[in-house]
C-alpha atoms as a PDB file:
ATOM      1  CA  MET A   1       3.799  -2.012  17.935  1.00  0.00           C
ATOM      2  CA  ARG A   2       2.924  -1.061  14.086  1.00  0.00           C
ATOM      3  CA  ALA A   3       5.036  -3.931  13.032  1.00  0.00           C
ATOM      4  CA  ARG A   4       2.934  -6.287  15.194  1.00  0.00           C
ATOM      5  CA  TRP A   5      -0.205  -4.852  13.858  1.00  0.00           C
ATOM      6  CA  ILE A   6       0.780  -5.304  10.264  1.00  0.00           C
ATOM      7  CA  ALA A   7       1.936  -8.830  10.808  1.00  0.00           C
ATOM      8  CA  ALA A   8      -1.308  -9.668  12.583  1.00  0.00           C
ATOM      9  CA  SER A   9      -3.336  -8.028   9.756  1.00  0.00           C
ATOM     10  CA  LEU A  10      -1.461 -10.077   7.081  1.00  0.00           C
ATOM     11  CA  ALA A  11      -1.972 -13.231   9.130  1.00  0.00           C
ATOM     12  CA  ILE A  12      -5.478 -12.683   9.109  1.00  0.00           C
ATOM     13  CA  LEU A  13      -5.716 -11.781   5.426  1.00  0.00           C
ATOM     14  CA  LEU A  14      -3.897 -15.049   4.551  1.00  0.00           C
ATOM     15  CA  ALA A  15      -6.120 -17.099   6.813  1.00  0.00           C
ATOM     16  CA  LEU A  16      -9.392 -15.880   5.182  1.00  0.00           C
ATOM     17  CA  GLY A  17     -10.951 -18.533   2.991  1.00  0.00           C
ATOM     18  CA  GLY A  18     -11.980 -17.897  -0.565  1.00  0.00           C
ATOM     19  CA  ILE A  19      -9.681 -15.033  -1.296  1.00  0.00           C
ATOM     20  CA  ALA A  20      -7.770 -15.501  -4.551  1.00  0.00           C
ATOM     21  CA  LEU A  21      -4.015 -14.511  -4.572  1.00  0.00           C
ATOM     22  CA  GLY A  22      -2.952 -12.242  -7.450  1.00  0.00           C
ATOM     23  CA  HIS A  23      -6.612 -11.179  -8.463  1.00  0.00           C
ATOM     24  CA  ALA A  24      -6.261 -10.479 -12.207  1.00  0.00           C
ATOM     25  CA  ARG A  25      -8.285  -7.204 -12.257  1.00  0.00           C
ATOM     26  CA  LEU A  26      -6.828  -5.623  -9.159  1.00  0.00           C
ATOM     27  CA  ARG A  27      -3.661  -3.880  -9.786  1.00  0.00           C
ATOM     28  CA  VAL A  28      -1.706  -0.551  -9.305  1.00  0.00           C
ATOM     29  CA  ASN A  29      -2.321   1.746 -12.197  1.00  0.00           C
ATOM     30  CA  GLU A  30      -0.388   4.608 -10.759  1.00  0.00           C
ATOM     31  CA  SER A  31       1.993   5.279  -7.794  1.00  0.00           C
ATOM     32  CA  VAL A  32       3.459   8.403  -6.217  1.00  0.00           C
ATOM     33  CA  PRO A  33       6.553   7.997  -6.030  1.00  0.00           C
ATOM     34  CA  ALA A  34       6.767   5.819  -9.129  1.00  0.00           C
ATOM     35  CA  PRO A  35       8.583   2.468  -8.860  1.00  0.00           C
ATOM     36  CA  GLY A  36      12.437   2.770  -9.106  1.00  0.00           C
ATOM     37  CA  ALA A  37      12.243   6.641  -8.763  1.00  0.00           C
ATOM     38  CA  LEU A  38      15.372   8.444  -7.242  1.00  0.00           C
ATOM     39  CA  LEU A  39      14.026  11.573  -5.506  1.00  0.00           C
ATOM     40  CA  ALA A  40      16.105  14.580  -4.890  1.00  0.00           C
ATOM     41  CA  GLU A  41      13.925  15.415  -1.856  1.00  0.00           C
ATOM     42  CA  SER A  42      11.348  13.648   0.357  1.00  0.00           C
ATOM     43  CA  PRO A  43       7.970  13.020  -0.956  1.00  0.00           C
ATOM     44  CA  LYS A  44       4.962  14.496   1.060  1.00  0.00           C
ATOM     45  CA  GLU A  45       2.788  11.562   0.604  1.00  0.00           C
ATOM     46  CA  ILE A  46       2.730   7.962  -0.726  1.00  0.00           C
ATOM     47  CA  LYS A  47      -0.237   7.235  -3.054  1.00  0.00           C
ATOM     48  CA  LEU A  48      -1.421   4.100  -4.929  1.00  0.00           C
ATOM     49  CA  VAL A  49      -4.312   4.213  -7.436  1.00  0.00           C
ATOM     50  CA  PHE A  50      -5.752   0.807  -8.246  1.00  0.00           C
ATOM     51  CA  SER A  51      -7.929  -0.518 -11.071  1.00  0.00           C
ATOM     52  CA  VAL A  52     -10.744  -2.317  -9.169  1.00  0.00           C
ATOM     53  CA  GLU A  53     -14.350  -3.184  -9.755  1.00  0.00           C
ATOM     54  CA  PRO A  54     -17.404  -1.030  -8.751  1.00  0.00           C
ATOM     55  CA  GLY A  55     -17.376  -0.822  -4.893  1.00  0.00           C
ATOM     56  CA  GLY A  56     -13.676  -0.268  -4.766  1.00  0.00           C
ATOM     57  CA  LEU A  57     -11.150  -1.516  -2.127  1.00  0.00           C
ATOM     58  CA  ASP A  58     -12.324  -2.757   1.168  1.00  0.00           C
ATOM     59  CA  PRO A  59     -11.108  -0.207   3.592  1.00  0.00           C
ATOM     60  CA  ALA A  60     -11.086  -2.535   6.544  1.00  0.00           C
ATOM     61  CA  TRP A  61      -8.418  -4.832   4.879  1.00  0.00           C
ATOM     62  CA  SER A  62      -6.677  -2.999   2.195  1.00  0.00           C
ATOM     63  CA  LEU A  63      -3.475  -1.233   3.179  1.00  0.00           C
ATOM     64  CA  PHE A  64       0.258  -0.369   2.510  1.00  0.00           C
ATOM     65  CA  TRP A  65       3.276   0.229   4.508  1.00  0.00           C
ATOM     66  CA  LEU A  66       6.339   2.086   3.812  1.00  0.00           C
ATOM     67  CA  VAL A  67       9.524   0.520   5.072  1.00  0.00           C
ATOM     68  CA  LYS A  68      13.072   2.006   5.160  1.00  0.00           C
ATOM     69  CA  GLN A  69      15.472  -0.695   3.908  1.00  0.00           C
ATOM     70  CA  GLY A  70      18.305  -1.493   6.363  1.00  0.00           C
ATOM     71  CA  PRO A  71      16.771  -1.492   9.757  1.00  0.00           C
ATOM     72  CA  ASP A  72      13.527  -2.393   8.083  1.00  0.00           C
ATOM     73  CA  GLU A  73      11.619   0.319  10.096  1.00  0.00           C
ATOM     74  CA  VAL A  74       7.983   0.969   9.346  1.00  0.00           C
ATOM     75  CA  ILE A  75       7.775   4.726   8.431  1.00  0.00           C
ATOM     76  CA  ALA A  76       4.080   5.002   7.525  1.00  0.00           C
ATOM     77  CA  VAL A  77       0.817   2.956   6.908  1.00  0.00           C
ATOM     78  CA  GLY A  78      -1.516   3.934   4.179  1.00  0.00           C
ATOM     79  CA  LYS A  79      -5.125   3.276   3.984  1.00  0.00           C
ATOM     80  CA  VAL A  80      -8.006   3.557   1.440  1.00  0.00           C
ATOM     81  CA  ASP A  81      -8.792   7.266   0.920  1.00  0.00           C
ATOM     82  CA  LEU A  82     -12.684   7.459   1.865  1.00  0.00           C
ATOM     83  CA  SER A  83     -12.867  11.033   0.263  1.00  0.00           C
ATOM     84  CA  VAL A  84     -12.447   9.316  -3.230  1.00  0.00           C
ATOM     85  CA  PRO A  85     -15.822   8.139  -4.377  1.00  0.00           C
ATOM     86  CA  ASP A  86     -14.463   5.078  -6.324  1.00  0.00           C
ATOM     87  CA  ARG A  87     -12.437   3.858  -3.259  1.00  0.00           C
ATOM     88  CA  ASN A  88      -9.663   2.908  -5.567  1.00  0.00           C
ATOM     89  CA  VAL A  89      -6.817   5.063  -3.788  1.00  0.00           C
ATOM     90  CA  MET A  90      -4.665   4.322  -0.742  1.00  0.00           C
ATOM     91  CA  LYS A  91      -2.408   7.089   0.580  1.00  0.00           C
ATOM     92  CA  ALA A  92      -0.478   8.141   3.517  1.00  0.00           C
ATOM     93  CA  GLU A  93       0.701  11.613   4.353  1.00  0.00           C
ATOM     94  CA  LEU A  94       4.273  11.633   5.546  1.00  0.00           C
ATOM     95  CA  LYS A  95       4.585  13.670   8.774  1.00  0.00           C
ATOM     96  CA  ASP A  96       8.304  13.704   8.722  1.00  0.00           C
ATOM     97  CA  ARG A  97      10.817  14.085   5.929  1.00  0.00           C
ATOM     98  CA  LEU A  98      12.352  10.783   4.613  1.00  0.00           C
ATOM     99  CA  SER A  99      16.084  10.691   5.061  1.00  0.00           C
ATOM    100  CA  SER A 100      18.406   9.332   2.296  1.00  0.00           C
ATOM    101  CA  GLY A 101      18.092   5.723   1.546  1.00  0.00           C
ATOM    102  CA  VAL A 102      15.961   3.093  -0.178  1.00  0.00           C
ATOM    103  CA  TYR A 103      12.320   2.624   0.757  1.00  0.00           C
ATOM    104  CA  LEU A 104       9.904  -0.248   0.100  1.00  0.00           C
ATOM    105  CA  VAL A 105       6.198   0.094  -0.328  1.00  0.00           C
ATOM    106  CA  HIS A 106       4.475  -3.215   0.322  1.00  0.00           C
ATOM    107  CA  TRP A 107       0.693  -3.240  -0.448  1.00  0.00           C
ATOM    108  CA  VAL A 108      -2.178  -5.578   0.043  1.00  0.00           C
ATOM    109  CA  ALA A 109      -5.657  -4.835  -1.543  1.00  0.00           C
ATOM    110  CA  ILE A 110      -9.068  -6.595  -1.348  1.00  0.00           C
ATOM    111  CA  SER A 111     -11.971  -5.768  -3.650  1.00  0.00           C
ATOM    112  CA  VAL A 112     -15.401  -5.103  -1.997  1.00  0.00           C
ATOM    113  CA  GLN A 113     -17.265  -6.669  -4.910  1.00  0.00           C
ATOM    114  CA  ASP A 114     -15.780 -10.206  -5.230  1.00  0.00           C
ATOM    115  CA  ARG A 115     -13.259 -10.196  -2.192  1.00  0.00           C
ATOM    116  CA  GLY A 116     -10.529 -10.563  -4.784  1.00  0.00           C
ATOM    117  CA  PHE A 117      -7.042 -10.206  -3.133  1.00  0.00           C
ATOM    118  CA  ALA A 118      -3.742  -8.875  -4.692  1.00  0.00           C
ATOM    119  CA  GLN A 119      -0.396  -7.808  -3.153  1.00  0.00           C
ATOM    120  CA  GLY A 120       2.700  -6.394  -4.414  1.00  0.00           C
ATOM    121  CA  SER A 121       5.651  -4.084  -3.536  1.00  0.00           C
ATOM    122  CA  TYR A 122       8.107  -1.579  -5.171  1.00  0.00           C
ATOM    123  CA  SER A 123      10.958   0.550  -4.125  1.00  0.00           C
ATOM    124  CA  PHE A 124      12.142   4.098  -4.526  1.00  0.00           C
ATOM    125  CA  ALA A 125      15.101   6.039  -3.225  1.00  0.00           C
ATOM    126  CA  VAL A 126      15.763   9.435  -1.721  1.00  0.00           C
ATOM    127  CA  LYS A 127      19.136  11.025  -2.235  1.00  0.00           C
END
């Protein structure tokens, strides 16, 4: 069900006119866990902090999803943290501990101010 929702969301994002791919000012400044990290234990949350214009990320369209490599199972979906005034943070609390393996974080971000679009991904591993 989640995989269908994510696929549908991405299809809608790509179909929207006037959205520039790879927006130059919209990028991840910080991520927890860090790209390429080898963790001794499961993180409690996944968090991405973006550089973005005033107005922040569009919470209706900006998201990330955490996938375990192998069976390509979606573990969690992260959304814009509305408690952060700048709306430049996306996060997901992890309900369950992550098992050993490699995990991929795929993200899509859209700026409220100019509808700029950027996407990316990174990986980390849990021992």
